[in-house]
PDB file of N, CA and C in Angstrom:
ATOM      1  N   MET A   1     -36.902  85.350   1.466  1.00  0.00           N
ATOM      2  CA  MET A   1     -35.645  84.665   1.798  1.00  0.00           C
ATOM      3  C   MET A   1     -34.883  84.292   0.530  1.00  0.00           C
ATOM      4  N   LYS A   2     -35.632  83.865  -0.493  1.00  0.00           N
ATOM      5  CA  LYS A   2     -34.981  83.467  -1.739  1.00  0.00           C
ATOM      6  C   LYS A   2     -34.337  84.678  -2.427  1.00  0.00           C
ATOM      7  N   ASP A   3     -34.987  85.831  -2.340  1.00  0.00           N
ATOM      8  CA  ASP A   3     -34.428  87.050  -2.932  1.00  0.00           C
ATOM      9  C   ASP A   3     -33.084  87.401  -2.288  1.00  0.00           C
ATOM     10  N   LEU A   4     -33.000  87.197  -0.974  1.00  0.00           N
ATOM     11  CA  LEU A   4     -31.759  87.480  -0.248  1.00  0.00           C
ATOM     12  C   LEU A   4     -30.644  86.558  -0.740  1.00  0.00           C
ATOM     13  N   GLU A   5     -30.957  85.276  -0.902  1.00  0.00           N
ATOM     14  CA  GLU A   5     -29.969  84.314  -1.389  1.00  0.00           C
ATOM     15  C   GLU A   5     -29.483  84.702  -2.782  1.00  0.00           C
ATOM     16  N   ILE A   6     -30.407  85.111  -3.640  1.00  0.00           N
ATOM     17  CA  ILE A   6     -30.056  85.496  -5.013  1.00  0.00           C
ATOM     18  C   ILE A   6     -29.149  86.730  -4.994  1.00  0.00           C
ATOM     19  N   SER A   7     -29.486  87.719  -4.160  1.00  0.00           N
ATOM     20  CA  SER A   7     -28.678  88.938  -4.111  1.00  0.00           C
ATOM     21  C   SER A   7     -27.286  88.650  -3.562  1.00  0.00           C
ATOM     22  N   ILE A   8     -27.191  87.752  -2.570  1.00  0.00           N
ATOM     23  CA  ILE A   8     -25.879  87.372  -2.023  1.00  0.00           C
ATOM     24  C   ILE A   8     -25.068  86.642  -3.093  1.00  0.00           C
ATOM     25  N   ALA A   9     -25.735  85.749  -3.833  1.00  0.00           N
ATOM     26  CA  ALA A   9     -25.056  85.006  -4.894  1.00  0.00           C
ATOM     27  C   ALA A   9     -24.537  85.959  -5.961  1.00  0.00           C
ATOM     28  N   LEU A  10     -25.330  86.964  -6.307  1.00  0.00           N
ATOM     29  CA  LEU A  10     -24.915  87.960  -7.300  1.00  0.00           C
ATOM     30  C   LEU A  10     -23.721  88.761  -6.794  1.00  0.00           C
ATOM     31  N   MET A  11     -23.754  89.148  -5.524  1.00  0.00           N
ATOM     32  CA  MET A  11     -22.652  89.910  -4.947  1.00  0.00           C
ATOM     33  C   MET A  11     -21.368  89.083  -4.953  1.00  0.00           C
ATOM     34  N   VAL A  12     -21.473  87.829  -4.558  1.00  0.00           N
ATOM     35  CA  VAL A  12     -20.296  86.953  -4.497  1.00  0.00           C
ATOM     36  C   VAL A  12     -19.745  86.721  -5.898  1.00  0.00           C
ATOM     37  N   SER A  13     -20.627  86.525  -6.872  1.00  0.00           N
ATOM     38  CA  SER A  13     -20.174  86.243  -8.228  1.00  0.00           C
ATOM     39  C   SER A  13     -19.576  87.479  -8.885  1.00  0.00           C
ATOM     40  N   SER A  14     -19.974  88.671  -8.445  1.00  0.00           N
ATOM     41  CA  SER A  14     -19.453  89.894  -9.044  1.00  0.00           C
ATOM     42  C   SER A  14     -18.144  90.340  -8.390  1.00  0.00           C
ATOM     43  N   LEU A  15     -17.804  89.793  -7.224  1.00  0.00           N
ATOM     44  CA  LEU A  15     -16.587  90.195  -6.516  1.00  0.00           C
ATOM     45  C   LEU A  15     -15.307  89.931  -7.307  1.00  0.00           C
ATOM     46  N   PRO A  16     -15.078  88.705  -7.814  1.00  0.00           N
ATOM     47  CA  PRO A  16     -13.826  88.463  -8.535  1.00  0.00           C
ATOM     48  C   PRO A  16     -13.672  89.375  -9.739  1.00  0.00           C
ATOM     49  N   ILE A  17     -14.770  89.666 -10.424  1.00  0.00           N
ATOM     50  CA  ILE A  17     -14.728  90.545 -11.590  1.00  0.00           C
ATOM     51  C   ILE A  17     -14.280  91.940 -11.161  1.00  0.00           C
ATOM     52  N   ALA A  18     -14.827  92.421 -10.054  1.00  0.00           N
ATOM     53  CA  ALA A  18     -14.474  93.746  -9.559  1.00  0.00           C
ATOM     54  C   ALA A  18     -12.991  93.791  -9.186  1.00  0.00           C
ATOM     55  N   GLU A  19     -12.495  92.733  -8.538  1.00  0.00           N
ATOM     56  CA  GLU A  19     -11.084  92.676  -8.153  1.00  0.00           C
ATOM     57  C   GLU A  19     -10.205  92.662  -9.397  1.00  0.00           C
ATOM     58  N   LEU A  20     -10.627  91.916 -10.420  1.00  0.00           N
ATOM     59  CA  LEU A  20      -9.865  91.862 -11.669  1.00  0.00           C
ATOM     60  C   LEU A  20      -9.792  93.237 -12.301  1.00  0.00           C
ATOM     61  N   ASN A  21     -10.911  93.956 -12.296  1.00  0.00           N
ATOM     62  CA  ASN A  21     -10.931  95.295 -12.885  1.00  0.00           C
ATOM     63  C   ASN A  21      -9.964  96.219 -12.161  1.00  0.00           C
ATOM     64  N   VAL A  22      -9.893  96.093 -10.841  1.00  0.00           N
ATOM     65  CA  VAL A  22      -8.968  96.920 -10.062  1.00  0.00           C
ATOM     66  C   VAL A  22      -7.533  96.568 -10.431  1.00  0.00           C
ATOM     67  N   VAL A  23      -7.256  95.265 -10.517  1.00  0.00           N
ATOM     68  CA  VAL A  23      -5.904  94.806 -10.872  1.00  0.00           C
ATOM     69  C   VAL A  23      -5.528  95.321 -12.256  1.00  0.00           C
ATOM     70  N   GLU A  24      -6.456  95.199 -13.215  1.00  0.00           N
ATOM     71  CA  GLU A  24      -6.196  95.677 -14.572  1.00  0.00           C
ATOM     72  C   GLU A  24      -5.976  97.180 -14.569  1.00  0.00           C
ATOM     73  N   ALA A  25      -6.791  97.909 -13.820  1.00  0.00           N
ATOM     74  CA  ALA A  25      -6.671  99.365 -13.783  1.00  0.00           C
ATOM     75  C   ALA A  25      -5.315  99.779 -13.214  1.00  0.00           C
ATOM     76  N   LEU A  26      -4.781  98.981 -12.282  1.00  0.00           N
ATOM     77  CA  LEU A  26      -3.478  99.307 -11.701  1.00  0.00           C
ATOM     78  C   LEU A  26      -2.332  98.824 -12.581  1.00  0.00           C
ATOM     79  N   LEU A  27      -2.497  97.650 -13.208  1.00  0.00           N
ATOM     80  CA  LEU A  27      -1.406  97.046 -13.974  1.00  0.00           C
ATOM     81  C   LEU A  27      -1.221  97.674 -15.344  1.00  0.00           C
ATOM     82  N   LEU A  28      -2.321  97.915 -16.057  1.00  0.00           N
ATOM     83  CA  LEU A  28      -2.215  98.380 -17.436  1.00  0.00           C
ATOM     84  C   LEU A  28      -1.402  99.662 -17.586  1.00  0.00           C
ATOM     85  N   PRO A  29      -1.632 100.701 -16.778  1.00  0.00           N
ATOM     86  CA  PRO A  29      -0.812 101.909 -16.926  1.00  0.00           C
ATOM     87  C   PRO A  29       0.665 101.648 -16.666  1.00  0.00           C
ATOM     88  N   SER A  30       0.992 100.832 -15.676  1.00  0.00           N
ATOM     89  CA  SER A  30       2.392 100.552 -15.366  1.00  0.00           C
ATOM     90  C   SER A  30       3.048  99.752 -16.482  1.00  0.00           C
ATOM     91  N   ILE A  31       2.305  98.797 -17.075  1.00  0.00           N
ATOM     92  CA  ILE A  31       2.824  98.041 -18.213  1.00  0.00           C
ATOM     93  C   ILE A  31       3.059  98.982 -19.391  1.00  0.00           C
ATOM     94  N   TYR A  32       2.124  99.894 -19.620  1.00  0.00           N
ATOM     95  CA  TYR A  32       2.233 100.865 -20.713  1.00  0.00           C
ATOM     96  C   TYR A  32       3.460 101.748 -20.519  1.00  0.00           C
ATOM     97  N   ILE A  33       3.680 102.200 -19.285  1.00  0.00           N
ATOM     98  CA  ILE A  33       4.847 103.036 -18.979  1.00  0.00           C
ATOM     99  C   ILE A  33       6.129 102.238 -19.187  1.00  0.00           C
ATOM    100  N   LEU A  34       6.141 100.973 -18.757  1.00  0.00           N
ATOM    101  CA  LEU A  34       7.321 100.119 -18.933  1.00  0.00           C
ATOM    102  C   LEU A  34       7.659  99.960 -20.409  1.00  0.00           C
ATOM    103  N   ILE A  35       6.631  99.702 -21.231  1.00  0.00           N
ATOM    104  CA  ILE A  35       6.845  99.528 -22.671  1.00  0.00           C
ATOM    105  C   ILE A  35       7.427 100.808 -23.276  1.00  0.00           C
ATOM    106  N   ARG A  36       6.886 101.947 -22.864  1.00  0.00           N
ATOM    107  CA  ARG A  36       7.393 103.233 -23.376  1.00  0.00           C
ATOM    108  C   ARG A  36       8.845 103.461 -22.961  1.00  0.00           C
ATOM    109  N   MET A  37       9.171 103.123 -21.713  1.00  0.00           N
ATOM    110  CA  MET A  37      10.546 103.284 -21.231  1.00  0.00           C
ATOM    111  C   MET A  37      11.498 102.388 -22.005  1.00  0.00           C
ATOM    112  N   ILE A  38      11.071 101.133 -22.253  1.00  0.00           N
ATOM    113  CA  ILE A  38      11.896 100.196 -23.023  1.00  0.00           C
ATOM    114  C   ILE A  38      12.111 100.734 -24.432  1.00  0.00           C
ATOM    115  N   LYS A  39      11.060 101.260 -25.048  1.00  0.00           N
ATOM    116  CA  LYS A  39      11.184 101.831 -26.399  1.00  0.00           C
ATOM    117  C   LYS A  39      12.152 103.001 -26.411  1.00  0.00           C
ATOM    118  N   ILE A  40      12.088 103.851 -25.385  1.00  0.00           N
ATOM    119  CA  ILE A  40      13.000 105.004 -25.299  1.00  0.00           C
ATOM    120  C   ILE A  40      14.440 104.514 -25.155  1.00  0.00           C
ATOM    121  N   VAL A  41      14.652 103.516 -24.311  1.00  0.00           N
ATOM    122  CA  VAL A  41      16.003 102.966 -24.106  1.00  0.00           C
ATOM    123  C   VAL A  41      16.536 102.385 -25.415  1.00  0.00           C
ATOM    124  N   ILE A  42      15.683 101.634 -26.128  1.00  0.00           N
ATOM    125  CA  ILE A  42      16.102 101.035 -27.404  1.00  0.00           C
ATOM    126  C   ILE A  42      16.426 102.132 -28.412  1.00  0.00           C
ATOM    127  N   SER A  43      15.607 103.174 -28.460  1.00  0.00           N
ATOM    128  CA  SER A  43      15.822 104.242 -29.447  1.00  0.00           C
ATOM    129  C   SER A  43      17.085 105.047 -29.124  1.00  0.00           C
ATOM    130  N   THR A  44      17.430 105.175 -27.832  1.00  0.00           N
ATOM    131  CA  THR A  44      18.636 105.930 -27.479  1.00  0.00           C
ATOM    132  C   THR A  44      19.893 105.099 -27.737  1.00  0.00           C
ATOM    133  N   LYS A  45      19.790 103.779 -27.670  1.00  0.00           N
ATOM    134  CA  LYS A  45      20.945 102.922 -27.953  1.00  0.00           C
ATOM    135  C   LYS A  45      21.285 102.952 -29.439  1.00  0.00           C
ATOM    136  N   ASN A  46      20.280 103.081 -30.291  1.00  0.00           N
ATOM    137  CA  ASN A  46      20.521 103.060 -31.747  1.00  0.00           C
ATOM    138  C   ASN A  46      21.025 104.370 -32.300  1.00  0.00           C
TER     139      ASN A  46
END
């Protein structure tokens, strides 16, 4: 019974980390693309 509690606790504690990784995986490329687009816009204005 104690092993089950420990495994559930581990699963619950690892959930937010997994969600963060998904958010980072989705956000980072879009932020990178935005930065590149801004740089292109700035370079074309000059």
